[in-house]
């Protein structure tokens, strides 16, 4: 699970200053070996992955706890042209499912940040 802020003219240090949260990773705008050639967006990421917890609900709680009081700042970044979203990603096998309790979805909606789900069927 990650909070993602991205834009073609993003200065990740400005995002850090505005949110008063240190990112787990960041990238200035430009080509990236990890993204498609046409995607040159700068990135600011607050990530929580299997090294932190293998349980999605714990990852979600960690990210939401960090950003719940930052809704106005996140919406201001959106108003400035940044794409801001919560990203759930990972490998899924046959019959894989996940659930987000209604109260978690309500917290996400209160912050005003969309949720994206990106599943990979390749273990690499």
C-alpha atoms as a PDB file:
ATOM      1  CA  UNK A   1       0.000   0.000   0.000  1.00  0.00           C
ATOM      2  CA  UNK A   2       1.284   3.465  -0.862  1.00  0.00           C
ATOM      3  CA  UNK A   3       0.273   7.075  -0.920  1.00  0.00           C
ATOM      4  CA  UNK A   4       1.400   8.361  -4.321  1.00  0.00           C
ATOM      5  CA  UNK A   5       1.835  11.982  -5.384  1.00  0.00           C
ATOM      6  CA  UNK A   6       2.930  12.430  -8.988  1.00  0.00           C
ATOM      7  CA  UNK A   7       3.173  15.138 -11.612  1.00  0.00           C
ATOM      8  CA  UNK A   8       5.331  15.953 -14.644  1.00  0.00           C
ATOM      9  CA  UNK A   9       6.684  19.020 -12.809  1.00  0.00           C
ATOM     10  CA  UNK A  10       6.748  17.617  -9.267  1.00  0.00           C
ATOM     11  CA  UNK A  11       9.400  18.733  -6.828  1.00  0.00           C
ATOM     12  CA  UNK A  12       9.331  15.942  -4.222  1.00  0.00           C
ATOM     13  CA  UNK A  13      10.991  18.165  -1.622  1.00  0.00           C
ATOM     14  CA  UNK A  14       8.098  20.629  -1.865  1.00  0.00           C
ATOM     15  CA  UNK A  15       5.649  17.774  -1.193  1.00  0.00           C
ATOM     16  CA  UNK A  16       7.701  16.718   1.828  1.00  0.00           C
ATOM     17  CA  UNK A  17       7.629  20.279   3.131  1.00  0.00           C
ATOM     18  CA  UNK A  18       3.889  20.733   2.546  1.00  0.00           C
ATOM     19  CA  UNK A  19       2.916  17.406   4.153  1.00  0.00           C
ATOM     20  CA  UNK A  20       5.599  17.441   6.877  1.00  0.00           C
ATOM     21  CA  UNK A  21       6.045  13.717   6.200  1.00  0.00           C
ATOM     22  CA  UNK A  22       9.286  12.118   5.006  1.00  0.00           C
ATOM     23  CA  UNK A  23       8.653   9.923   1.958  1.00  0.00           C
ATOM     24  CA  UNK A  24       9.895   6.358   1.743  1.00  0.00           C
ATOM     25  CA  UNK A  25      11.011   7.149  -1.805  1.00  0.00           C
ATOM     26  CA  UNK A  26      10.925   9.989  -4.302  1.00  0.00           C
ATOM     27  CA  UNK A  27      11.967  10.714  -7.875  1.00  0.00           C
ATOM     28  CA  UNK A  28      12.419  13.903  -9.832  1.00  0.00           C
ATOM     29  CA  UNK A  29      10.582  14.165 -13.178  1.00  0.00           C
ATOM     30  CA  UNK A  30      12.240  12.428 -16.102  1.00  0.00           C
ATOM     31  CA  UNK A  31      12.568   8.979 -17.670  1.00  0.00           C
ATOM     32  CA  UNK A  32      12.593   5.970 -15.363  1.00  0.00           C
ATOM     33  CA  UNK A  33      13.661   2.388 -15.985  1.00  0.00           C
ATOM     34  CA  UNK A  34      10.713   1.263 -13.826  1.00  0.00           C
ATOM     35  CA  UNK A  35       7.958   3.047 -15.776  1.00  0.00           C
ATOM     36  CA  UNK A  36       6.898   3.302 -19.405  1.00  0.00           C
ATOM     37  CA  UNK A  37       8.978   5.697 -21.565  1.00  0.00           C
ATOM     38  CA  UNK A  38       6.149   8.225 -21.866  1.00  0.00           C
ATOM     39  CA  UNK A  39       5.705   8.397 -18.078  1.00  0.00           C
ATOM     40  CA  UNK A  40       8.144  11.049 -16.927  1.00  0.00           C
ATOM     41  CA  UNK A  41       6.271  12.096 -13.794  1.00  0.00           C
ATOM     42  CA  UNK A  42       8.116  12.990 -10.643  1.00  0.00           C
ATOM     43  CA  UNK A  43       7.052  10.836  -7.687  1.00  0.00           C
ATOM     44  CA  UNK A  44       6.669  11.203  -3.950  1.00  0.00           C
ATOM     45  CA  UNK A  45       5.782   7.919  -2.211  1.00  0.00           C
ATOM     46  CA  UNK A  46       4.844   6.893   1.290  1.00  0.00           C
ATOM     47  CA  UNK A  47       5.056   3.113   1.052  1.00  0.00           C
ATOM     48  CA  UNK A  48       4.182   0.276   3.340  1.00  0.00           C
ATOM     49  CA  UNK A  49       4.943  -3.196   2.006  1.00  0.00           C
ATOM     50  CA  UNK A  50       5.466  -6.799   3.075  1.00  0.00           C
ATOM     51  CA  UNK A  51       8.666  -5.839   4.905  1.00  0.00           C
ATOM     52  CA  UNK A  52       6.519  -3.726   7.237  1.00  0.00           C
ATOM     53  CA  UNK A  53       3.602  -6.145   7.399  1.00  0.00           C
ATOM     54  CA  UNK A  54       2.250  -8.946   5.242  1.00  0.00           C
ATOM     55  CA  UNK A  55      -1.284  -7.972   6.282  1.00  0.00           C
ATOM     56  CA  UNK A  56      -3.034  -5.440   4.075  1.00  0.00           C
ATOM     57  CA  UNK A  57      -5.161  -4.089   6.931  1.00  0.00           C
ATOM     58  CA  UNK A  58      -2.002  -3.223   8.904  1.00  0.00           C
ATOM     59  CA  UNK A  59      -0.442  -1.539   5.861  1.00  0.00           C
ATOM     60  CA  UNK A  60      -3.627   0.470   5.248  1.00  0.00           C
ATOM     61  CA  UNK A  61      -3.778   1.517   8.898  1.00  0.00           C
ATOM     62  CA  UNK A  62      -0.173   2.673   8.889  1.00  0.00           C
ATOM     63  CA  UNK A  63      -0.667   4.845   5.775  1.00  0.00           C
ATOM     64  CA  UNK A  64      -4.043   6.227   6.890  1.00  0.00           C
ATOM     65  CA  UNK A  65      -2.687   7.068  10.338  1.00  0.00           C
ATOM     66  CA  UNK A  66       0.097   9.082   8.718  1.00  0.00           C
ATOM     67  CA  UNK A  67      -2.183  11.046   6.372  1.00  0.00           C
ATOM     68  CA  UNK A  68      -5.570  11.382   8.083  1.00  0.00           C
ATOM     69  CA  UNK A  69      -4.772  14.883   9.356  1.00  0.00           C
ATOM     70  CA  UNK A  70      -3.289  15.865   5.964  1.00  0.00           C
ATOM     71  CA  UNK A  71      -6.490  15.854   3.889  1.00  0.00           C
ATOM     72  CA  UNK A  72      -6.429  19.613   3.215  1.00  0.00           C
ATOM     73  CA  UNK A  73      -2.779  19.501   2.156  1.00  0.00           C
ATOM     74  CA  UNK A  74      -3.398  16.511  -0.128  1.00  0.00           C
ATOM     75  CA  UNK A  75      -6.413  18.194  -1.741  1.00  0.00           C
ATOM     76  CA  UNK A  76      -4.286  21.343  -2.244  1.00  0.00           C
ATOM     77  CA  UNK A  77      -1.709  19.234  -4.089  1.00  0.00           C
ATOM     78  CA  UNK A  78      -4.524  17.890  -6.279  1.00  0.00           C
ATOM     79  CA  UNK A  79      -5.701  21.459  -6.940  1.00  0.00           C
ATOM     80  CA  UNK A  80      -2.126  22.314  -7.975  1.00  0.00           C
ATOM     81  CA  UNK A  81      -2.276  19.613 -10.676  1.00  0.00           C
ATOM     82  CA  UNK A  82      -0.745  16.659  -8.863  1.00  0.00           C
ATOM     83  CA  UNK A  83      -2.232  13.216  -9.123  1.00  0.00           C
ATOM     84  CA  UNK A  84      -2.694  11.979  -5.547  1.00  0.00           C
ATOM     85  CA  UNK A  85      -3.984   8.486  -4.767  1.00  0.00           C
ATOM     86  CA  UNK A  86      -3.762   5.491  -2.484  1.00  0.00           C
ATOM     87  CA  UNK A  87      -2.333   2.491  -4.313  1.00  0.00           C
ATOM     88  CA  UNK A  88      -2.896  -1.140  -3.320  1.00  0.00           C
ATOM     89  CA  UNK A  89      -0.592  -3.385  -5.328  1.00  0.00           C
ATOM     90  CA  UNK A  90       0.925  -6.815  -5.260  1.00  0.00           C
ATOM     91  CA  UNK A  91       0.965 -10.376  -6.537  1.00  0.00           C
ATOM     92  CA  UNK A  92      -2.278 -12.319  -6.607  1.00  0.00           C
ATOM     93  CA  UNK A  93      -2.662 -16.033  -7.037  1.00  0.00           C
ATOM     94  CA  UNK A  94      -5.690 -18.116  -7.926  1.00  0.00           C
ATOM     95  CA  UNK A  95      -8.694 -17.120  -5.861  1.00  0.00           C
ATOM     96  CA  UNK A  96      -6.913 -14.205  -4.195  1.00  0.00           C
ATOM     97  CA  UNK A  97      -9.168 -11.623  -2.554  1.00  0.00           C
ATOM     98  CA  UNK A  98      -8.867  -8.718  -0.190  1.00  0.00           C
ATOM     99  CA  UNK A  99     -11.381  -6.805   1.855  1.00  0.00           C
ATOM    100  CA  UNK A 100     -11.432  -3.289   3.179  1.00  0.00           C
ATOM    101  CA  UNK A 101     -13.859  -2.767   6.037  1.00  0.00           C
ATOM    102  CA  UNK A 102     -16.513  -0.081   5.498  1.00  0.00           C
ATOM    103  CA  UNK A 103     -14.961   2.128   8.182  1.00  0.00           C
ATOM    104  CA  UNK A 104     -11.604   2.057   6.354  1.00  0.00           C
ATOM    105  CA  UNK A 105     -13.270   3.015   3.080  1.00  0.00           C
ATOM    106  CA  UNK A 106     -15.088   5.819   4.934  1.00  0.00           C
ATOM    107  CA  UNK A 107     -11.739   7.115   6.272  1.00  0.00           C
ATOM    108  CA  UNK A 108     -10.310   7.116   2.755  1.00  0.00           C
ATOM    109  CA  UNK A 109     -13.355   8.976   1.452  1.00  0.00           C
ATOM    110  CA  UNK A 110     -13.105  11.535   4.253  1.00  0.00           C
ATOM    111  CA  UNK A 111      -9.533  12.328   3.234  1.00  0.00           C
ATOM    112  CA  UNK A 112     -10.725  12.673  -0.363  1.00  0.00           C
ATOM    113  CA  UNK A 113      -8.030  10.603  -2.047  1.00  0.00           C
ATOM    114  CA  UNK A 114      -8.955   7.910  -4.603  1.00  0.00           C
ATOM    115  CA  UNK A 115      -7.955   4.270  -4.233  1.00  0.00           C
ATOM    116  CA  UNK A 116      -6.290   2.355  -7.072  1.00  0.00           C
ATOM    117  CA  UNK A 117      -5.788  -1.392  -7.100  1.00  0.00           C
ATOM    118  CA  UNK A 118      -3.008  -2.871  -9.239  1.00  0.00           C
ATOM    119  CA  UNK A 119      -2.727  -6.654  -9.108  1.00  0.00           C
ATOM    120  CA  UNK A 120       0.086  -8.609 -10.735  1.00  0.00           C
ATOM    121  CA  UNK A 121      -0.317 -12.240 -11.731  1.00  0.00           C
ATOM    122  CA  UNK A 122       3.426 -12.573 -12.325  1.00  0.00           C
ATOM    123  CA  UNK A 123       5.702 -13.522  -9.448  1.00  0.00           C
ATOM    124  CA  UNK A 124       8.753 -12.379 -11.477  1.00  0.00           C
END
